[in-house]
Protein backbone atom coordinates (compact mmCIF):
# COMPACT_ATOMS: atom_id res chain seq x y z
CA MET A 1 -113.59 -83.25 -18.35
CA GLU A 2 -111.84 -83.60 -15.01
CA HIS A 3 -112.41 -86.51 -12.69
CA SER A 4 -111.88 -86.09 -8.99
CA ALA A 5 -110.62 -89.04 -7.02
CA GLN A 6 -113.00 -90.33 -4.42
CA ARG A 7 -111.44 -91.60 -1.24
CA VAL A 8 -112.96 -94.69 0.34
CA PRO A 9 -112.20 -95.20 4.04
CA SER A 10 -110.20 -98.32 4.73
CA PRO A 11 -111.44 -100.68 6.01
CA VAL A 12 -114.98 -100.01 4.88
CA PRO A 13 -117.20 -100.47 7.94
CA ASP A 14 -119.76 -103.28 7.90
CA VAL A 15 -119.35 -104.18 4.24
CA GLY A 16 -120.15 -107.84 3.79
CA ASN A 17 -120.21 -108.65 7.49
CA ARG A 18 -123.34 -110.56 8.40
CA THR A 19 -125.01 -109.27 11.56
CA SER A 20 -128.20 -111.32 11.56
CA VAL A 21 -130.20 -113.89 9.60
CA THR A 22 -133.97 -114.20 9.53
CA GLY A 23 -135.48 -117.61 8.79
CA GLY A 24 -133.81 -120.89 7.99
CA PRO A 25 -131.69 -123.17 10.18
CA ASP A 26 -129.02 -120.49 10.88
CA ALA A 27 -131.39 -117.71 11.97
CA GLY A 28 -130.13 -115.41 14.70
CA LEU A 29 -127.45 -112.87 15.53
CA TYR A 30 -123.85 -112.96 14.27
CA THR A 31 -121.17 -110.98 16.09
CA LEU A 32 -117.54 -110.17 15.37
CA ASN A 33 -114.76 -109.16 17.72
CA ALA A 34 -113.44 -105.79 16.50
CA ALA A 35 -109.92 -107.24 16.18
CA HIS A 36 -111.20 -110.07 13.97
CA ALA A 37 -113.64 -108.05 11.83
CA PRO A 38 -111.21 -107.53 8.91
CA LEU A 39 -110.76 -111.31 8.72
CA ASN A 40 -114.51 -112.04 8.95
CA LEU A 41 -114.02 -114.27 11.99
CA TYR A 42 -117.33 -114.52 13.82
CA THR A 43 -117.08 -114.94 17.58
CA SER A 44 -120.75 -115.73 18.09
CA THR A 45 -123.34 -117.31 15.77
CA PRO A 46 -126.57 -119.26 16.31
CA LEU A 47 -124.39 -122.40 16.23
CA GLY A 48 -122.34 -121.27 19.24
CA THR A 49 -119.29 -119.22 20.14
CA SER A 50 -115.81 -119.45 18.65
CA THR A 51 -112.37 -118.33 19.78
CA TYR A 52 -109.30 -117.61 17.66
CA ASP A 53 -105.57 -117.59 18.36
CA ALA A 54 -103.30 -114.59 17.74
CA ASN A 55 -102.81 -115.67 14.10
CA GLY A 56 -106.54 -115.84 13.38
CA CYS A 57 -106.76 -119.64 13.41
CA LEU A 58 -109.87 -121.16 14.95
CA ALA A 59 -108.94 -122.35 18.46
CA SER A 60 -112.36 -123.58 19.59
CA GLY A 61 -115.81 -123.78 18.08
CA LYS A 62 -119.37 -124.68 18.92
CA SER A 63 -119.08 -123.11 22.38
CA GLY A 64 -115.95 -125.07 23.29
CA ALA A 65 -117.23 -128.45 22.08
CA GLN A 66 -114.49 -128.49 19.43
CA VAL A 67 -110.87 -127.64 20.24
CA LEU A 68 -108.22 -127.24 17.55
CA ALA A 69 -104.41 -127.06 17.70
CA TYR A 70 -101.94 -125.93 15.04
CA ASP A 71 -98.21 -126.29 14.42
CA TYR A 72 -95.76 -123.43 13.81
CA ARG A 73 -96.84 -123.28 10.15
CA GLU A 74 -100.51 -122.89 11.14
CA ARG A 75 -101.40 -126.39 9.93
CA LEU A 76 -104.10 -128.23 11.82
CA VAL A 77 -102.42 -130.94 13.89
CA GLU A 78 -105.16 -131.82 16.36
CA PHE A 79 -108.95 -131.71 16.40
CA HIS A 80 -110.77 -132.66 19.59
CA ASP A 81 -114.54 -133.11 19.49
CA VAL A 82 -115.36 -132.91 23.19
CA THR A 83 -119.04 -133.76 22.76
CA HIS A 84 -118.36 -137.10 21.08
CA ALA A 85 -115.01 -137.80 22.83
CA ARG A 86 -113.14 -137.99 19.51
CA LEU A 87 -109.55 -136.93 18.92
CA SER A 88 -107.99 -136.64 15.46
CA VAL A 89 -104.25 -136.07 14.99
CA TYR A 90 -102.73 -134.97 11.68
CA GLY A 91 -99.17 -135.17 10.33
CA TYR A 92 -97.55 -133.36 7.39
CA ASP A 93 -94.52 -134.03 5.20
CA ALA A 94 -91.78 -131.50 4.36
CA LEU A 95 -93.84 -130.13 1.45
CA GLY A 96 -96.86 -129.44 3.69
CA ARG A 97 -98.97 -132.32 2.41
CA ARG A 98 -101.02 -134.16 4.98
CA TYR A 99 -99.80 -137.75 5.15
CA LYS A 100 -101.34 -138.90 8.41
CA LYS A 101 -104.72 -138.79 10.08
CA VAL A 102 -105.21 -140.79 13.26
CA THR A 103 -108.68 -140.83 14.84
């Protein structure tokens, strides 16, 4: 018996990507930027909009109410909660372990 190989297009469109939710606290539409779709990075959800940097790291969330900054190793070094006027700064040692959190 011969088996023929079946080719699956890569990436598979819309597999596992949420587009909407009905009911519950997170009900509404979910959208992805085409460039971020393979990474499952939603740009708009019922909780607000999000933006991402060129590396796919979250740059801002909740419609700009949260702003994040990363170092050259893509480690979170600053989190600014604009709504509550809170700033958190993080530091890392040479092995990448977080050793400092200042709020």
